[in-house]
Amino acid sequence: MTMADIAEMTGVSIPSQVDGESLVPLLSGRLTTLDRPVLLQHVYYPGTAPSFWGIRTERWMYALYKTGERELYDLNRDPYELTNLAGRPSYRDRERKLKAEIQELRR
């Protein structure tokens, strides 16, 4: 959950210094598609997954963990993210493109 999400859920206007925007419309069903990629970041704390950067598009979810592990899911075919496609030769170009997009969005 982001500061923008908390602000929207509590009815407070989102301060200009807050980076990003609320995902509440997507989570609540008021918005059903993503019109652009969403950059994901998770910072490790005890009892959670390792730190990672990721990206979610309308079709793909890709995560690069600090440990070197990767996850890639085709959300059209696998909406519950059960089959990790990362490392499969037929998805090498897709991984490369999504990794480059993460790097671009992090700038």
C-alpha atoms as a PDB file:
ATOM      1  CA  MET A   1       0.000   0.000   0.000  1.00  0.00           C
ATOM      2  CA  THR A   2       1.319   3.440  -0.909  1.00  0.00           C
ATOM      3  CA  MET A   3       0.850   6.863   0.643  1.00  0.00           C
ATOM      4  CA  ALA A   4      -1.364   7.764  -2.325  1.00  0.00           C
ATOM      5  CA  ASP A   5      -3.584   4.730  -1.618  1.00  0.00           C
ATOM      6  CA  ILE A   6      -3.903   5.633   2.065  1.00  0.00           C
ATOM      7  CA  ALA A   7      -4.713   9.258   1.250  1.00  0.00           C
ATOM      8  CA  GLU A   8      -7.432   8.279  -1.222  1.00  0.00           C
ATOM      9  CA  MET A   9      -9.005   5.713   1.098  1.00  0.00           C
ATOM     10  CA  THR A  10      -9.170   8.245   3.931  1.00  0.00           C
ATOM     11  CA  GLY A  11     -10.482  11.052   1.738  1.00  0.00           C
ATOM     12  CA  VAL A  12      -7.382  13.216   2.145  1.00  0.00           C
ATOM     13  CA  SER A  13      -6.014  14.971  -0.922  1.00  0.00           C
ATOM     14  CA  ILE A  14      -2.746  13.463  -2.130  1.00  0.00           C
ATOM     15  CA  PRO A  15       0.133  15.838  -1.262  1.00  0.00           C
ATOM     16  CA  SER A  16       2.181  17.009  -4.257  1.00  0.00           C
ATOM     17  CA  GLN A  17       5.405  15.597  -2.781  1.00  0.00           C
ATOM     18  CA  VAL A  18       3.998  12.039  -2.828  1.00  0.00           C
ATOM     19  CA  ASP A  19       5.526  10.053  -5.678  1.00  0.00           C
ATOM     20  CA  GLY A  20       3.124   7.877  -7.638  1.00  0.00           C
ATOM     21  CA  GLU A  21      -0.627   7.661  -7.676  1.00  0.00           C
ATOM     22  CA  SER A  22      -3.337   5.679  -5.988  1.00  0.00           C
ATOM     23  CA  LEU A  23      -4.154   2.161  -7.146  1.00  0.00           C
ATOM     24  CA  VAL A  24      -7.454   2.188  -5.245  1.00  0.00           C
ATOM     25  CA  PRO A  25      -9.544   2.578  -8.456  1.00  0.00           C
ATOM     26  CA  LEU A  26      -7.927  -0.575  -9.854  1.00  0.00           C
ATOM     27  CA  LEU A  27      -8.230  -2.530  -6.617  1.00  0.00           C
ATOM     28  CA  SER A  28     -11.853  -1.508  -6.059  1.00  0.00           C
ATOM     29  CA  GLY A  29     -12.936  -2.428  -9.588  1.00  0.00           C
ATOM     30  CA  ARG A  30     -13.725   1.154 -10.680  1.00  0.00           C
ATOM     31  CA  LEU A  31     -10.855   0.785 -13.158  1.00  0.00           C
ATOM     32  CA  THR A  32     -10.495  -2.566 -14.906  1.00  0.00           C
ATOM     33  CA  THR A  33      -7.364  -2.128 -17.048  1.00  0.00           C
ATOM     34  CA  LEU A  34      -3.955  -0.574 -16.736  1.00  0.00           C
ATOM     35  CA  ASP A  35      -3.293   2.096 -19.318  1.00  0.00           C
ATOM     36  CA  ARG A  36       0.451   1.994 -18.658  1.00  0.00           C
ATOM     37  CA  PRO A  37       2.992  -0.189 -16.847  1.00  0.00           C
ATOM     38  CA  VAL A  38       3.174  -0.053 -13.050  1.00  0.00           C
ATOM     39  CA  LEU A  39       6.608  -0.135 -11.415  1.00  0.00           C
ATOM     40  CA  LEU A  40       6.728  -2.407  -8.365  1.00  0.00           C
ATOM     41  CA  GLN A  41       9.189  -2.284  -5.486  1.00  0.00           C
ATOM     42  CA  HIS A  42       9.428  -4.414  -2.383  1.00  0.00           C
ATOM     43  CA  VAL A  43      12.001  -3.802   0.338  1.00  0.00           C
ATOM     44  CA  TYR A  44      12.837  -6.816   2.489  1.00  0.00           C
ATOM     45  CA  TYR A  45      12.009  -6.923   6.156  1.00  0.00           C
ATOM     46  CA  PRO A  46      12.020 -10.070   8.310  1.00  0.00           C
ATOM     47  CA  GLY A  47       9.382 -12.599   7.364  1.00  0.00           C
ATOM     48  CA  THR A  48       8.794 -11.258   3.856  1.00  0.00           C
ATOM     49  CA  ALA A  49      10.023 -11.983   0.345  1.00  0.00           C
ATOM     50  CA  PRO A  50      13.488 -10.753  -0.666  1.00  0.00           C
ATOM     51  CA  SER A  51      13.768  -7.209  -2.028  1.00  0.00           C
ATOM     52  CA  PHE A  52      12.767  -6.822  -5.662  1.00  0.00           C
ATOM     53  CA  TRP A  53      11.909  -4.447  -8.467  1.00  0.00           C
ATOM     54  CA  GLY A  54       9.157  -5.462 -10.834  1.00  0.00           C
ATOM     55  CA  ILE A  55       6.753  -4.321 -13.492  1.00  0.00           C
ATOM     56  CA  ARG A  56       3.142  -5.104 -14.201  1.00  0.00           C
ATOM     57  CA  THR A  57       1.568  -4.406 -17.548  1.00  0.00           C
ATOM     58  CA  GLU A  58      -1.879  -5.323 -18.756  1.00  0.00           C
ATOM     59  CA  ARG A  59      -0.465  -8.679 -19.897  1.00  0.00           C
ATOM     60  CA  TRP A  60       2.779  -9.341 -17.980  1.00  0.00           C
ATOM     61  CA  MET A  61       4.148  -9.382 -14.433  1.00  0.00           C
ATOM     62  CA  TYR A  62       7.937  -9.526 -14.100  1.00  0.00           C
ATOM     63  CA  ALA A  63      10.040  -9.326 -10.924  1.00  0.00           C
ATOM     64  CA  LEU A  64      13.808  -9.197 -10.417  1.00  0.00           C
ATOM     65  CA  TYR A  65      14.827 -10.181  -6.890  1.00  0.00           C
ATOM     66  CA  LYS A  66      17.976  -9.001  -5.141  1.00  0.00           C
ATOM     67  CA  THR A  67      18.851 -12.702  -4.803  1.00  0.00           C
ATOM     68  CA  GLY A  68      19.033 -13.031  -8.607  1.00  0.00           C
ATOM     69  CA  GLU A  69      15.780 -14.958  -8.862  1.00  0.00           C
ATOM     70  CA  ARG A  70      13.229 -13.866 -11.470  1.00  0.00           C
ATOM     71  CA  GLU A  71       9.506 -14.309 -11.957  1.00  0.00           C
ATOM     72  CA  LEU A  72       7.605 -13.855 -15.216  1.00  0.00           C
ATOM     73  CA  TYR A  73       3.891 -14.467 -15.668  1.00  0.00           C
ATOM     74  CA  ASP A  74       1.611 -14.138 -18.680  1.00  0.00           C
ATOM     75  CA  LEU A  75      -1.470 -12.704 -16.992  1.00  0.00           C
ATOM     76  CA  ASN A  76      -3.727 -13.502 -19.953  1.00  0.00           C
ATOM     77  CA  ARG A  77      -2.981 -17.225 -19.680  1.00  0.00           C
ATOM     78  CA  ASP A  78      -2.101 -17.394 -15.990  1.00  0.00           C
ATOM     79  CA  PRO A  79      -3.990 -14.684 -14.043  1.00  0.00           C
ATOM     80  CA  TYR A  80      -3.198 -16.327 -10.693  1.00  0.00           C
ATOM     81  CA  GLU A  81       0.560 -16.322 -11.401  1.00  0.00           C
ATOM     82  CA  LEU A  82       1.016 -20.056 -10.893  1.00  0.00           C
ATOM     83  CA  THR A  83       3.487 -20.871 -13.701  1.00  0.00           C
ATOM     84  CA  ASN A  84       6.782 -18.979 -13.623  1.00  0.00           C
ATOM     85  CA  LEU A  85       8.040 -18.502 -17.207  1.00  0.00           C
ATOM     86  CA  ALA A  86      11.338 -16.818 -16.251  1.00  0.00           C
ATOM     87  CA  GLY A  87      14.393 -18.521 -17.680  1.00  0.00           C
ATOM     88  CA  ARG A  88      12.539 -20.331 -20.456  1.00  0.00           C
ATOM     89  CA  PRO A  89      14.278 -19.761 -23.805  1.00  0.00           C
ATOM     90  CA  SER A  90      11.057 -18.853 -25.603  1.00  0.00           C
ATOM     91  CA  TYR A  91      10.524 -15.928 -23.179  1.00  0.00           C
ATOM     92  CA  ARG A  92      14.105 -14.590 -23.204  1.00  0.00           C
ATOM     93  CA  ASP A  93      13.229 -11.551 -25.367  1.00  0.00           C
ATOM     94  CA  ARG A  94      10.171 -10.728 -23.237  1.00  0.00           C
ATOM     95  CA  GLU A  95      12.306 -10.808 -20.078  1.00  0.00           C
ATOM     96  CA  ARG A  96      14.919  -8.570 -21.685  1.00  0.00           C
ATOM     97  CA  LYS A  97      12.280  -6.004 -22.717  1.00  0.00           C
ATOM     98  CA  LEU A  98      10.582  -5.972 -19.320  1.00  0.00           C
ATOM     99  CA  LYS A  99      13.930  -5.643 -17.525  1.00  0.00           C
ATOM    100  CA  ALA A 100      14.805  -2.658 -19.739  1.00  0.00           C
ATOM    101  CA  GLU A 101      11.419  -1.115 -18.998  1.00  0.00           C
ATOM    102  CA  ILE A 102      12.027  -1.476 -15.237  1.00  0.00           C
ATOM    103  CA  GLN A 103      15.381   0.286 -15.614  1.00  0.00           C
ATOM    104  CA  GLU A 104      13.772   3.081 -17.623  1.00  0.00           C
ATOM    105  CA  LEU A 105      10.950   3.595 -15.109  1.00  0.00           C
ATOM    106  CA  ARG A 106      13.427   3.691 -12.206  1.00  0.00           C
ATOM    107  CA  ARG A 107      15.117   6.797 -13.662  1.00  0.00           C
END
